Amino acid sequence: MGLERYRRRHGHSLIHMRAVQITRFGGPEVLDVVEVPDPVPGDGQQLYDVSTAGLNFADTHHAVS
């Protein structure tokens, strides 16, 4: 289901989406759930609506700058 279709179906407009950010080194306790602006695809890009995603243990060992 596309993002616009989801918005129409659920009767509201999402302004932000929830995301997990890793901003420092550490274990699972450093995973922060934050609200970020909805992504906007650029030319030649496609936006996918992902309702769930997996996280591997190794992902907790990579800090994103």
N, C-alpha and C. Protein backbone atom coordinates (compact mmCIF):
# COMPACT_ATOMS: atom_id res chain seq x y z
N MET A 1 0.85 -1.16 0.00
CA MET A 1 0.00 0.00 0.00
C MET A 1 0.90 1.23 0.00
N GLY A 2 0.66 2.14 -0.92
CA GLY A 2 1.45 3.35 -1.00
C GLY A 2 1.17 4.29 0.15
N LEU A 3 2.10 5.20 0.40
CA LEU A 3 1.97 6.12 1.51
C LEU A 3 0.73 6.99 1.39
N GLU A 4 0.47 7.54 0.20
CA GLU A 4 -0.72 8.38 0.01
C GLU A 4 -2.00 7.56 0.21
N ARG A 5 -2.02 6.34 -0.29
CA ARG A 5 -3.19 5.48 -0.12
C ARG A 5 -3.40 5.16 1.35
N TYR A 6 -2.31 4.93 2.09
CA TYR A 6 -2.40 4.68 3.52
C TYR A 6 -3.02 5.88 4.23
N ARG A 7 -2.55 7.07 3.87
CA ARG A 7 -3.07 8.29 4.50
C ARG A 7 -4.56 8.44 4.25
N ARG A 8 -4.99 8.21 2.99
CA ARG A 8 -6.41 8.34 2.67
C ARG A 8 -7.22 7.27 3.39
N ARG A 9 -6.70 6.04 3.42
CA ARG A 9 -7.44 4.93 4.02
C ARG A 9 -7.63 5.12 5.52
N HIS A 10 -6.62 5.67 6.19
CA HIS A 10 -6.69 5.82 7.63
C HIS A 10 -7.19 7.19 8.05
N GLY A 11 -7.56 8.03 7.10
CA GLY A 11 -8.23 9.28 7.40
C GLY A 11 -7.38 10.34 8.06
N HIS A 12 -6.09 10.30 7.85
CA HIS A 12 -5.26 11.35 8.41
C HIS A 12 -4.02 11.54 7.55
N SER A 13 -3.34 12.62 7.80
CA SER A 13 -2.12 12.93 7.08
C SER A 13 -0.94 12.80 8.03
N LEU A 14 -0.05 11.88 7.73
CA LEU A 14 1.14 11.72 8.56
C LEU A 14 2.11 12.85 8.26
N ILE A 15 2.51 13.56 9.28
CA ILE A 15 3.49 14.62 9.10
C ILE A 15 4.88 14.07 9.35
N HIS A 16 4.98 13.13 10.25
CA HIS A 16 6.26 12.53 10.59
C HIS A 16 6.13 11.02 10.64
N MET A 17 7.26 10.36 10.53
CA MET A 17 7.28 8.93 10.71
C MET A 17 8.22 8.60 11.85
N ARG A 18 8.01 7.46 12.48
CA ARG A 18 8.90 7.01 13.53
C ARG A 18 10.06 6.27 12.91
N ALA A 19 11.24 6.47 13.47
CA ALA A 19 12.44 5.80 12.99
C ALA A 19 13.32 5.47 14.18
N VAL A 20 14.16 4.49 14.02
CA VAL A 20 15.16 4.17 15.04
C VAL A 20 16.48 4.73 14.57
N GLN A 21 17.09 5.54 15.41
CA GLN A 21 18.39 6.13 15.07
C GLN A 21 19.45 5.60 16.02
N ILE A 22 20.63 5.35 15.45
CA ILE A 22 21.79 4.96 16.24
C ILE A 22 22.77 6.11 16.11
N THR A 23 22.97 6.87 17.18
CA THR A 23 23.81 8.06 17.12
C THR A 23 25.08 7.94 17.97
N ARG A 24 25.22 6.79 18.66
CA ARG A 24 26.41 6.60 19.48
C ARG A 24 26.67 5.10 19.60
N PHE A 25 27.86 4.74 20.02
CA PHE A 25 28.20 3.34 20.20
C PHE A 25 27.57 2.80 21.48
N GLY A 26 27.27 1.50 21.46
CA GLY A 26 26.71 0.86 22.64
C GLY A 26 25.82 -0.29 22.25
N GLY A 27 25.13 -0.81 23.22
CA GLY A 27 24.22 -1.93 23.01
C GLY A 27 22.85 -1.44 22.58
N PRO A 28 21.87 -2.31 22.69
CA PRO A 28 20.51 -1.94 22.27
C PRO A 28 19.95 -0.72 22.99
N GLU A 29 20.50 -0.39 24.15
CA GLU A 29 19.99 0.77 24.88
C GLU A 29 20.27 2.09 24.18
N VAL A 30 21.15 2.11 23.17
CA VAL A 30 21.45 3.36 22.47
C VAL A 30 20.54 3.56 21.26
N LEU A 31 19.65 2.62 21.00
CA LEU A 31 18.71 2.77 19.90
C LEU A 31 17.62 3.75 20.32
N ASP A 32 17.50 4.85 19.61
CA ASP A 32 16.52 5.88 19.95
C ASP A 32 15.38 5.89 18.93
N VAL A 33 14.15 5.81 19.42
CA VAL A 33 12.98 5.95 18.56
C VAL A 33 12.67 7.45 18.48
N VAL A 34 12.71 7.99 17.26
CA VAL A 34 12.51 9.43 17.06
C VAL A 34 11.49 9.65 15.95
N GLU A 35 10.94 10.85 15.90
CA GLU A 35 10.06 11.25 14.81
C GLU A 35 10.87 12.06 13.82
N VAL A 36 10.79 11.71 12.56
CA VAL A 36 11.51 12.40 11.50
C VAL A 36 10.54 12.79 10.41
N PRO A 37 10.86 13.80 9.61
CA PRO A 37 9.96 14.18 8.51
C PRO A 37 9.79 13.03 7.52
N ASP A 38 8.63 12.98 6.90
CA ASP A 38 8.42 11.97 5.85
C ASP A 38 9.46 12.15 4.77
N PRO A 39 10.03 11.05 4.29
CA PRO A 39 11.01 11.15 3.21
C PRO A 39 10.34 11.58 1.90
N VAL A 40 11.11 12.25 1.07
CA VAL A 40 10.64 12.67 -0.24
C VAL A 40 11.58 12.08 -1.28
N PRO A 41 11.07 11.23 -2.19
CA PRO A 41 11.96 10.63 -3.18
C PRO A 41 12.46 11.65 -4.19
N GLY A 42 13.69 11.48 -4.62
CA GLY A 42 14.26 12.34 -5.64
C GLY A 42 13.96 11.79 -7.02
N ASP A 43 14.45 12.45 -8.05
CA ASP A 43 14.26 11.99 -9.42
C ASP A 43 14.84 10.58 -9.59
N GLY A 44 14.06 9.71 -10.17
CA GLY A 44 14.51 8.35 -10.43
C GLY A 44 14.50 7.45 -9.20
N GLN A 45 13.94 7.93 -8.09
CA GLN A 45 13.86 7.13 -6.87
C GLN A 45 12.42 6.74 -6.60
N GLN A 46 12.25 5.69 -5.81
CA GLN A 46 10.94 5.18 -5.45
C GLN A 46 10.80 5.19 -3.93
N LEU A 47 9.66 5.59 -3.42
CA LEU A 47 9.39 5.58 -1.99
C LEU A 47 8.54 4.36 -1.66
N TYR A 48 8.98 3.58 -0.68
CA TYR A 48 8.25 2.38 -0.27
C TYR A 48 7.71 2.59 1.14
N ASP A 49 6.52 2.09 1.39
CA ASP A 49 5.91 2.15 2.71
C ASP A 49 6.29 0.86 3.44
N VAL A 50 7.17 0.97 4.42
CA VAL A 50 7.62 -0.18 5.19
C VAL A 50 6.98 -0.09 6.57
N SER A 51 6.13 -1.05 6.89
CA SER A 51 5.45 -1.00 8.18
C SER A 51 6.25 -1.70 9.28
N THR A 52 7.08 -2.66 8.92
CA THR A 52 7.94 -3.33 9.89
C THR A 52 9.28 -3.64 9.24
N ALA A 53 10.29 -3.74 10.04
CA ALA A 53 11.63 -4.06 9.53
C ALA A 53 12.39 -4.82 10.61
N GLY A 54 13.39 -5.56 10.20
CA GLY A 54 14.20 -6.30 11.15
C GLY A 54 15.49 -5.56 11.48
N LEU A 55 16.05 -5.90 12.61
CA LEU A 55 17.30 -5.32 13.05
C LEU A 55 18.18 -6.45 13.53
N ASN A 56 19.37 -6.57 12.96
CA ASN A 56 20.30 -7.60 13.36
C ASN A 56 21.18 -7.12 14.50
N PHE A 57 21.74 -8.05 15.26
CA PHE A 57 22.62 -7.69 16.36
C PHE A 57 23.78 -6.83 15.87
N ALA A 58 24.33 -7.15 14.71
CA ALA A 58 25.45 -6.38 14.16
C ALA A 58 25.07 -4.92 13.90
N ASP A 59 23.80 -4.66 13.61
CA ASP A 59 23.36 -3.28 13.37
C ASP A 59 23.52 -2.40 14.60
N THR A 60 23.53 -2.99 15.77
CA THR A 60 23.69 -2.21 17.00
C THR A 60 25.13 -1.77 17.21
N HIS A 61 26.04 -2.23 16.38
CA HIS A 61 27.46 -1.90 16.53
C HIS A 61 27.94 -0.87 15.52
N HIS A 62 27.02 -0.28 14.77
CA HIS A 62 27.39 0.73 13.77
C HIS A 62 26.77 2.06 14.15
N ALA A 63 27.62 3.04 14.35
CA ALA A 63 27.13 4.39 14.65
C ALA A 63 26.96 5.15 13.34
N VAL A 64 25.88 5.88 13.23
CA VAL A 64 25.60 6.67 12.05
C VAL A 64 25.90 8.12 12.39
N SER A 65 26.67 8.77 11.52
CA SER A 65 27.01 10.15 11.81
C SER A 65 26.03 11.10 11.14
